[in-house]
Amino acid sequence: MIRKPVVFWNMDSVIKLTEIISRYHYEAELLCGEVAVNARSLLDVVAVHKFQTVELCIYSDSCEDLLKELDLYMERYRLEKQPMIC
């Protein structure tokens, strides 16, 4: 199992994430605290996309192809969580 924090910046990013994950055969969920939703379901992802901390949980040990496509979501999370240095 692989867990990665992700962030959404608009509704298009939510739609694109579900489209990307749906192309692969990995089981995937989005975790928000105690809530877990199907990452392939647009309705489920829309329900949790506003939460501050969202983790993508992929039930596979080898899914580099999917992670590479989703790198923008993880990179954006890293950029938003970095402290601002002036």
PDB file of N, CA and C in Angstrom:
ATOM      1  N   MET A   1       0.845  -1.183   0.000  1.00  0.00           N
ATOM      2  CA  MET A   1       0.000   0.000   0.000  1.00  0.00           C
ATOM      3  C   MET A   1       0.887   1.240   0.000  1.00  0.00           C
ATOM      4  N   ILE A   2       0.508   2.215  -0.801  1.00  0.00           N
ATOM      5  CA  ILE A   2       1.248   3.468  -0.906  1.00  0.00           C
ATOM      6  C   ILE A   2       0.290   4.601  -0.545  1.00  0.00           C
ATOM      7  N   ARG A   3       0.757   5.504   0.317  1.00  0.00           N
ATOM      8  CA  ARG A   3      -0.043   6.668   0.716  1.00  0.00           C
ATOM      9  C   ARG A   3       0.722   7.942   0.364  1.00  0.00           C
ATOM     10  N   LYS A   4       0.053   8.835  -0.353  1.00  0.00           N
ATOM     11  CA  LYS A   4       0.651  10.102  -0.774  1.00  0.00           C
ATOM     12  C   LYS A   4      -0.332  11.237  -0.528  1.00  0.00           C
ATOM     13  N   PRO A   5       0.137  12.345   0.046  1.00  0.00           N
ATOM     14  CA  PRO A   5      -0.745  13.512   0.191  1.00  0.00           C
ATOM     15  C   PRO A   5      -0.957  14.180  -1.170  1.00  0.00           C
ATOM     16  N   VAL A   6      -2.170  14.640  -1.401  1.00  0.00           N
ATOM     17  CA  VAL A   6      -2.498  15.320  -2.650  1.00  0.00           C
ATOM     18  C   VAL A   6      -3.279  16.588  -2.336  1.00  0.00           C
ATOM     19  N   VAL A   7      -3.330  17.475  -3.304  1.00  0.00           N
ATOM     20  CA  VAL A   7      -4.089  18.712  -3.154  1.00  0.00           C
ATOM     21  C   VAL A   7      -4.806  18.995  -4.476  1.00  0.00           C
ATOM     22  N   PHE A   8      -5.992  19.599  -4.365  1.00  0.00           N
ATOM     23  CA  PHE A   8      -6.768  20.010  -5.537  1.00  0.00           C
ATOM     24  C   PHE A   8      -6.782  21.528  -5.587  1.00  0.00           C
ATOM     25  N   TRP A   9      -6.678  22.111  -6.760  1.00  0.00           N
ATOM     26  CA  TRP A   9      -6.650  23.568  -6.865  1.00  0.00           C
ATOM     27  C   TRP A   9      -7.906  24.108  -7.536  1.00  0.00           C
ATOM     28  N   ASN A  10      -8.658  23.268  -8.216  1.00  0.00           N
ATOM     29  CA  ASN A  10      -9.952  23.682  -8.773  1.00  0.00           C
ATOM     30  C   ASN A  10     -10.745  22.433  -9.151  1.00  0.00           C
ATOM     31  N   MET A  11     -11.952  22.624  -9.652  1.00  0.00           N
ATOM     32  CA  MET A  11     -12.801  21.480  -9.981  1.00  0.00           C
ATOM     33  C   MET A  11     -12.232  20.666 -11.139  1.00  0.00           C
ATOM     34  N   ASP A  12     -11.544  21.309 -12.075  1.00  0.00           N
ATOM     35  CA  ASP A  12     -10.922  20.574 -13.173  1.00  0.00           C
ATOM     36  C   ASP A  12      -9.879  19.585 -12.662  1.00  0.00           C
ATOM     37  N   SER A  13      -9.152  19.961 -11.614  1.00  0.00           N
ATOM     38  CA  SER A  13      -8.143  19.050 -11.058  1.00  0.00           C
ATOM     39  C   SER A  13      -8.806  17.836 -10.410  1.00  0.00           C
ATOM     40  N   VAL A  14      -9.992  18.011  -9.858  1.00  0.00           N
ATOM     41  CA  VAL A  14     -10.738  16.884  -9.277  1.00  0.00           C
ATOM     42  C   VAL A  14     -11.163  15.922 -10.389  1.00  0.00           C
ATOM     43  N   ILE A  15     -11.713  16.477 -11.453  1.00  0.00           N
ATOM     44  CA  ILE A  15     -12.167  15.657 -12.580  1.00  0.00           C
ATOM     45  C   ILE A  15     -10.992  14.911 -13.207  1.00  0.00           C
ATOM     46  N   LYS A  16      -9.887  15.608 -13.410  1.00  0.00           N
ATOM     47  CA  LYS A  16      -8.711  14.992 -14.036  1.00  0.00           C
ATOM     48  C   LYS A  16      -8.159  13.857 -13.179  1.00  0.00           C
ATOM     49  N   LEU A  17      -8.122  14.046 -11.840  1.00  0.00           N
ATOM     50  CA  LEU A  17      -7.620  12.980 -10.968  1.00  0.00           C
ATOM     51  C   LEU A  17      -8.462  11.721 -11.116  1.00  0.00           C
ATOM     52  N   THR A  18      -9.771  11.858 -11.104  1.00  0.00           N
ATOM     53  CA  THR A  18     -10.623  10.670 -11.240  1.00  0.00           C
ATOM     54  C   THR A  18     -10.450  10.017 -12.612  1.00  0.00           C
ATOM     55  N   GLU A  19     -10.247  10.817 -13.647  1.00  0.00           N
ATOM     56  CA  GLU A  19     -10.013  10.258 -14.984  1.00  0.00           C
ATOM     57  C   GLU A  19      -8.705   9.479 -15.031  1.00  0.00           C
ATOM     58  N   ILE A  20      -7.657  10.030 -14.444  1.00  0.00           N
ATOM     59  CA  ILE A  20      -6.352   9.362 -14.439  1.00  0.00           C
ATOM     60  C   ILE A  20      -6.447   8.044 -13.680  1.00  0.00           C
ATOM     61  N   ILE A  21      -6.994   8.072 -12.493  1.00  0.00           N
ATOM     62  CA  ILE A  21      -7.068   6.862 -11.670  1.00  0.00           C
ATOM     63  C   ILE A  21      -7.949   5.808 -12.335  1.00  0.00           C
ATOM     64  N   SER A  22      -8.987   6.217 -13.018  1.00  0.00           N
ATOM     65  CA  SER A  22      -9.894   5.264 -13.673  1.00  0.00           C
ATOM     66  C   SER A  22      -9.228   4.508 -14.819  1.00  0.00           C
ATOM     67  N   ARG A  23      -8.170   5.040 -15.375  1.00  0.00           N
ATOM     68  CA  ARG A  23      -7.462   4.356 -16.463  1.00  0.00           C
ATOM     69  C   ARG A  23      -6.605   3.183 -15.970  1.00  0.00           C
ATOM     70  N   TYR A  24      -6.375   3.108 -14.666  1.00  0.00           N
ATOM     71  CA  TYR A  24      -5.530   2.062 -14.094  1.00  0.00           C
ATOM     72  C   TYR A  24      -6.380   1.070 -13.304  1.00  0.00           C
ATOM     73  N   HIS A  25      -5.832  -0.109 -13.091  1.00  0.00           N
ATOM     74  CA  HIS A  25      -6.562  -1.174 -12.404  1.00  0.00           C
ATOM     75  C   HIS A  25      -6.238  -1.256 -10.920  1.00  0.00           C
ATOM     76  N   TYR A  26      -5.576  -0.255 -10.381  1.00  0.00           N
ATOM     77  CA  TYR A  26      -5.255  -0.254  -8.956  1.00  0.00           C
ATOM     78  C   TYR A  26      -6.474   0.181  -8.146  1.00  0.00           C
ATOM     79  N   GLU A  27      -6.638  -0.433  -6.986  1.00  0.00           N
ATOM     80  CA  GLU A  27      -7.654   0.040  -6.048  1.00  0.00           C
ATOM     81  C   GLU A  27      -7.104   1.291  -5.382  1.00  0.00           C
ATOM     82  N   ALA A  28      -7.896   2.352  -5.329  1.00  0.00           N
ATOM     83  CA  ALA A  28      -7.418   3.615  -4.757  1.00  0.00           C
ATOM     84  C   ALA A  28      -8.543   4.294  -3.994  1.00  0.00           C
ATOM     85  N   GLU A  29      -8.168   4.888  -2.859  1.00  0.00           N
ATOM     86  CA  GLU A  29      -9.101   5.645  -2.039  1.00  0.00           C
ATOM     87  C   GLU A  29      -8.478   6.979  -1.678  1.00  0.00           C
ATOM     88  N   LEU A  30      -9.325   7.955  -1.390  1.00  0.00           N
ATOM     89  CA  LEU A  30      -8.883   9.213  -0.818  1.00  0.00           C
ATOM     90  C   LEU A  30      -9.281   9.191   0.652  1.00  0.00           C
ATOM     91  N   LEU A  31      -8.327   9.505   1.506  1.00  0.00           N
ATOM     92  CA  LEU A  31      -8.545   9.488   2.946  1.00  0.00           C
ATOM     93  C   LEU A  31      -8.530  10.904   3.482  1.00  0.00           C
ATOM     94  N   CYS A  32      -9.541  11.236   4.266  1.00  0.00           N
ATOM     95  CA  CYS A  32      -9.652  12.547   4.923  1.00  0.00           C
ATOM     96  C   CYS A  32     -10.013  12.269   6.373  1.00  0.00           C
ATOM     97  N   GLY A  33      -9.012  12.163   7.220  1.00  0.00           N
ATOM     98  CA  GLY A  33      -9.262  11.807   8.610  1.00  0.00           C
ATOM     99  C   GLY A  33      -9.840  10.409   8.685  1.00  0.00           C
ATOM    100  N   GLU A  34     -11.051  10.302   9.202  1.00  0.00           N
ATOM    101  CA  GLU A  34     -11.735   9.007   9.333  1.00  0.00           C
ATOM    102  C   GLU A  34     -12.551   8.633   8.098  1.00  0.00           C
ATOM    103  N   VAL A  35     -12.634   9.526   7.146  1.00  0.00           N
ATOM    104  CA  VAL A  35     -13.451   9.314   5.954  1.00  0.00           C
ATOM    105  C   VAL A  35     -12.589   8.745   4.832  1.00  0.00           C
ATOM    106  N   ALA A  36     -13.083   7.686   4.189  1.00  0.00           N
ATOM    107  CA  ALA A  36     -12.407   7.092   3.034  1.00  0.00           C
ATOM    108  C   ALA A  36     -13.422   7.018   1.893  1.00  0.00           C
ATOM    109  N   VAL A  37     -13.018   7.526   0.714  1.00  0.00           N
ATOM    110  CA  VAL A  37     -13.914   7.495  -0.447  1.00  0.00           C
ATOM    111  C   VAL A  37     -13.188   6.876  -1.634  1.00  0.00           C
ATOM    112  N   ASN A  38     -13.961   6.350  -2.544  1.00  0.00           N
ATOM    113  CA  ASN A  38     -13.432   5.741  -3.758  1.00  0.00           C
ATOM    114  C   ASN A  38     -12.826   6.840  -4.640  1.00  0.00           C
ATOM    115  N   ALA A  39     -11.554   6.718  -4.971  1.00  0.00           N
ATOM    116  CA  ALA A  39     -10.870   7.743  -5.770  1.00  0.00           C
ATOM    117  C   ALA A  39     -11.305   7.725  -7.230  1.00  0.00           C
ATOM    118  N   ARG A  40     -12.008   6.689  -7.669  1.00  0.00           N
ATOM    119  CA  ARG A  40     -12.512   6.626  -9.044  1.00  0.00           C
ATOM    120  C   ARG A  40     -13.872   7.310  -9.198  1.00  0.00           C
ATOM    121  N   SER A  41     -14.530   7.574  -8.086  1.00  0.00           N
ATOM    122  CA  SER A  41     -15.875   8.132  -8.111  1.00  0.00           C
ATOM    123  C   SER A  41     -15.814   9.660  -8.047  1.00  0.00           C
ATOM    124  N   LEU A  42     -16.237  10.301  -9.108  1.00  0.00           N
ATOM    125  CA  LEU A  42     -16.210  11.762  -9.157  1.00  0.00           C
ATOM    126  C   LEU A  42     -17.057  12.362  -8.041  1.00  0.00           C
ATOM    127  N   LEU A  43     -18.221  11.815  -7.798  1.00  0.00           N
ATOM    128  CA  LEU A  43     -19.092  12.332  -6.746  1.00  0.00           C
ATOM    129  C   LEU A  43     -18.426  12.229  -5.371  1.00  0.00           C
ATOM    130  N   ASP A  44     -17.771  11.094  -5.099  1.00  0.00           N
ATOM    131  CA  ASP A  44     -17.076  10.924  -3.821  1.00  0.00           C
ATOM    132  C   ASP A  44     -15.930  11.912  -3.673  1.00  0.00           C
ATOM    133  N   VAL A  45     -15.147  12.097  -4.735  1.00  0.00           N
ATOM    134  CA  VAL A  45     -13.991  12.994  -4.668  1.00  0.00           C
ATOM    135  C   VAL A  45     -14.447  14.443  -4.507  1.00  0.00           C
ATOM    136  N   VAL A  46     -15.513  14.818  -5.172  1.00  0.00           N
ATOM    137  CA  VAL A  46     -16.049  16.171  -5.018  1.00  0.00           C
ATOM    138  C   VAL A  46     -16.456  16.422  -3.566  1.00  0.00           C
ATOM    139  N   ALA A  47     -16.956  15.397  -2.903  1.00  0.00           N
ATOM    140  CA  ALA A  47     -17.402  15.544  -1.518  1.00  0.00           C
ATOM    141  C   ALA A  47     -16.252  15.829  -0.559  1.00  0.00           C
ATOM    142  N   VAL A  48     -15.032  15.394  -0.887  1.00  0.00           N
ATOM    143  CA  VAL A  48     -13.907  15.578   0.045  1.00  0.00           C
ATOM    144  C   VAL A  48     -12.835  16.536  -0.456  1.00  0.00           C
ATOM    145  N   HIS A  49     -12.972  17.074  -1.654  1.00  0.00           N
ATOM    146  CA  HIS A  49     -11.868  17.848  -2.240  1.00  0.00           C
ATOM    147  C   HIS A  49     -11.567  19.147  -1.503  1.00  0.00           C
ATOM    148  N   LYS A  50     -12.459  19.636  -0.678  1.00  0.00           N
ATOM    149  CA  LYS A  50     -12.236  20.894   0.042  1.00  0.00           C
ATOM    150  C   LYS A  50     -11.468  20.711   1.354  1.00  0.00           C
ATOM    151  N   PHE A  51     -11.281  19.464   1.791  1.00  0.00           N
ATOM    152  CA  PHE A  51     -10.555  19.226   3.040  1.00  0.00           C
ATOM    153  C   PHE A  51      -9.093  19.640   2.888  1.00  0.00           C
ATOM    154  N   GLN A  52      -8.504  20.111   3.976  1.00  0.00           N
ATOM    155  CA  GLN A  52      -7.103  20.557   3.960  1.00  0.00           C
ATOM    156  C   GLN A  52      -6.144  19.401   3.702  1.00  0.00           C
ATOM    157  N   THR A  53      -6.356  18.292   4.384  1.00  0.00           N
ATOM    158  CA  THR A  53      -5.440  17.165   4.253  1.00  0.00           C
ATOM    159  C   THR A  53      -6.158  16.002   3.593  1.00  0.00           C
ATOM    160  N   VAL A  54      -5.719  15.671   2.388  1.00  0.00           N
ATOM    161  CA  VAL A  54      -6.281  14.542   1.650  1.00  0.00           C
ATOM    162  C   VAL A  54      -5.118  13.643   1.262  1.00  0.00           C
ATOM    163  N   GLU A  55      -5.257  12.360   1.558  1.00  0.00           N
ATOM    164  CA  GLU A  55      -4.226  11.395   1.190  1.00  0.00           C
ATOM    165  C   GLU A  55      -4.786  10.412   0.181  1.00  0.00           C
ATOM    166  N   LEU A  56      -3.979  10.122  -0.826  1.00  0.00           N
ATOM    167  CA  LEU A  56      -4.332   9.107  -1.800  1.00  0.00           C
ATOM    168  C   LEU A  56      -3.715   7.803  -1.333  1.00  0.00           C
ATOM    169  N   CYS A  57      -4.530   6.790  -1.203  1.00  0.00           N
ATOM    170  CA  CYS A  57      -4.074   5.475  -0.764  1.00  0.00           C
ATOM    171  C   CYS A  57      -4.263   4.509  -1.936  1.00  0.00           C
ATOM    172  N   ILE A  58      -3.153   3.953  -2.423  1.00  0.00           N
ATOM    173  CA  ILE A  58      -3.186   3.018  -3.549  1.00  0.00           C
ATOM    174  C   ILE A  58      -2.806   1.653  -3.008  1.00  0.00           C
ATOM    175  N   TYR A  59      -3.666   0.680  -3.241  1.00  0.00           N
ATOM    176  CA  TYR A  59      -3.445  -0.666  -2.713  1.00  0.00           C
ATOM    177  C   TYR A  59      -2.615  -1.498  -3.680  1.00  0.00           C
ATOM    178  N   SER A  60      -1.344  -1.113  -3.772  1.00  0.00           N
ATOM    179  CA  SER A  60      -0.368  -1.811  -4.602  1.00  0.00           C
ATOM    180  C   SER A  60       1.009  -1.394  -4.133  1.00  0.00           C
ATOM    181  N   ASP A  61       1.970  -2.275  -4.288  1.00  0.00           N
ATOM    182  CA  ASP A  61       3.344  -1.927  -3.931  1.00  0.00           C
ATOM    183  C   ASP A  61       4.122  -1.402  -5.124  1.00  0.00           C
ATOM    184  N   SER A  62       3.588  -1.611  -6.299  1.00  0.00           N
ATOM    185  CA  SER A  62       4.284  -1.203  -7.511  1.00  0.00           C
ATOM    186  C   SER A  62       3.309  -0.491  -8.444  1.00  0.00           C
ATOM    187  N   CYS A  63       3.278   0.833  -8.349  1.00  0.00           N
ATOM    188  CA  CYS A  63       2.362   1.609  -9.199  1.00  0.00           C
ATOM    189  C   CYS A  63       3.046   2.884  -9.673  1.00  0.00           C
ATOM    190  N   GLU A  64       4.295   2.780 -10.054  1.00  0.00           N
ATOM    191  CA  GLU A  64       5.063   3.949 -10.472  1.00  0.00           C
ATOM    192  C   GLU A  64       4.435   4.666 -11.657  1.00  0.00           C
ATOM    193  N   ASP A  65       3.785   3.911 -12.556  1.00  0.00           N
ATOM    194  CA  ASP A  65       3.150   4.531 -13.719  1.00  0.00           C
ATOM    195  C   ASP A  65       2.031   5.489 -13.290  1.00  0.00           C
ATOM    196  N   LEU A  66       1.223   5.073 -12.358  1.00  0.00           N
ATOM    197  CA  LEU A  66       0.154   5.940 -11.849  1.00  0.00           C
ATOM    198  C   LEU A  66       0.719   7.118 -11.068  1.00  0.00           C
ATOM    199  N   LEU A  67       1.697   6.860 -10.221  1.00  0.00           N
ATOM    200  CA  LEU A  67       2.301   7.935  -9.427  1.00  0.00           C
ATOM    201  C   LEU A  67       2.945   8.999 -10.310  1.00  0.00           C
ATOM    202  N   LYS A  68       3.538   8.568 -11.415  1.00  0.00           N
ATOM    203  CA  LYS A  68       4.159   9.526 -12.328  1.00  0.00           C
ATOM    204  C   LYS A  68       3.111  10.469 -12.923  1.00  0.00           C
ATOM    205  N   GLU A  69       1.956   9.923 -13.282  1.00  0.00           N
ATOM    206  CA  GLU A  69       0.890  10.772 -13.832  1.00  0.00           C
ATOM    207  C   GLU A  69       0.293  11.700 -12.787  1.00  0.00           C
ATOM    208  N   LEU A  70       0.304  11.280 -11.527  1.00  0.00           N
ATOM    209  CA  LEU A  70      -0.282  12.074 -10.454  1.00  0.00           C
ATOM    210  C   LEU A  70       0.736  12.963  -9.747  1.00  0.00           C
ATOM    211  N   ASP A  71       1.944  13.038 -10.267  1.00  0.00           N
ATOM    212  CA  ASP A  71       3.006  13.804  -9.622  1.00  0.00           C
ATOM    213  C   ASP A  71       2.636  15.272  -9.427  1.00  0.00           C
ATOM    214  N   LEU A  72       1.903  15.852 -10.344  1.00  0.00           N
ATOM    215  CA  LEU A  72       1.506  17.258 -10.219  1.00  0.00           C
ATOM    216  C   LEU A  72       0.680  17.494  -8.957  1.00  0.00           C
ATOM    217  N   TYR A  73      -0.187  16.559  -8.611  1.00  0.00           N
ATOM    218  CA  TYR A  73      -1.018  16.691  -7.404  1.00  0.00           C
ATOM    219  C   TYR A  73      -0.166  16.632  -6.138  1.00  0.00           C
ATOM    220  N   MET A  74       0.851  15.773  -6.151  1.00  0.00           N
ATOM    221  CA  MET A  74       1.726  15.638  -4.987  1.00  0.00           C
ATOM    222  C   MET A  74       2.710  16.810  -4.904  1.00  0.00           C
ATOM    223  N   GLU A  75       3.216  17.267  -6.057  1.00  0.00           N
ATOM    224  CA  GLU A  75       4.131  18.401  -6.089  1.00  0.00           C
ATOM    225  C   GLU A  75       3.413  19.670  -5.633  1.00  0.00           C
ATOM    226  N   ARG A  76       2.213  19.850  -6.073  1.00  0.00           N
ATOM    227  CA  ARG A  76       1.435  21.019  -5.655  1.00  0.00           C
ATOM    228  C   ARG A  76       1.202  20.998  -4.147  1.00  0.00           C
ATOM    229  N   TYR A  77       0.992  19.806  -3.583  1.00  0.00           N
ATOM    230  CA  TYR A  77       0.840  19.676  -2.127  1.00  0.00           C
ATOM    231  C   TYR A  77       2.127  20.120  -1.440  1.00  0.00           C
ATOM    232  N   ARG A  78       3.274  19.658  -1.946  1.00  0.00           N
ATOM    233  CA  ARG A  78       4.558  20.036  -1.343  1.00  0.00           C
ATOM    234  C   ARG A  78       4.773  21.544  -1.418  1.00  0.00           C
ATOM    235  N   LEU A  79       4.420  22.150  -2.538  1.00  0.00           N
ATOM    236  CA  LEU A  79       4.604  23.602  -2.685  1.00  0.00           C
ATOM    237  C   LEU A  79       3.695  24.386  -1.757  1.00  0.00           C
ATOM    238  N   GLU A  80       2.457  23.942  -1.592  1.00  0.00           N
ATOM    239  CA  GLU A  80       1.526  24.664  -0.726  1.00  0.00           C
ATOM    240  C   GLU A  80       1.875  24.524   0.751  1.00  0.00           C
ATOM    241  N   LYS A  81       2.533  23.437   1.119  1.00  0.00           N
ATOM    242  CA  LYS A  81       2.836  23.189   2.532  1.00  0.00           C
ATOM    243  C   LYS A  81       4.206  23.719   2.948  1.00  0.00           C
ATOM    244  N   GLN A  82       5.008  24.206   1.993  1.00  0.00           N
ATOM    245  CA  GLN A  82       6.316  24.765   2.325  1.00  0.00           C
ATOM    246  C   GLN A  82       6.139  26.110   3.020  1.00  0.00           C
ATOM    247  N   PRO A  83       6.959  26.378   4.031  1.00  0.00           N
ATOM    248  CA  PRO A  83       6.893  27.702   4.659  1.00  0.00           C
ATOM    249  C   PRO A  83       7.394  28.774   3.687  1.00  0.00           C
ATOM    250  N   MET A  84       6.812  29.929   3.771  1.00  0.00           N
ATOM    251  CA  MET A  84       7.215  31.038   2.903  1.00  0.00           C
ATOM    252  C   MET A  84       8.508  31.661   3.446  1.00  0.00           C
ATOM    253  N   ILE A  85       9.485  31.831   2.579  1.00  0.00           N
ATOM    254  CA  ILE A  85      10.753  32.459   2.957  1.00  0.00           C
ATOM    255  C   ILE A  85      10.877  33.759   2.177  1.00  0.00           C
ATOM    256  N   CYS A  86      11.042  34.842   2.891  1.00  0.00           N
ATOM    257  CA  CYS A  86      11.141  36.162   2.239  1.00  0.00           C
ATOM    258  C   CYS A  86      12.558  36.651   2.249  1.00  0.00           C
TER     259      CYS A  86
END
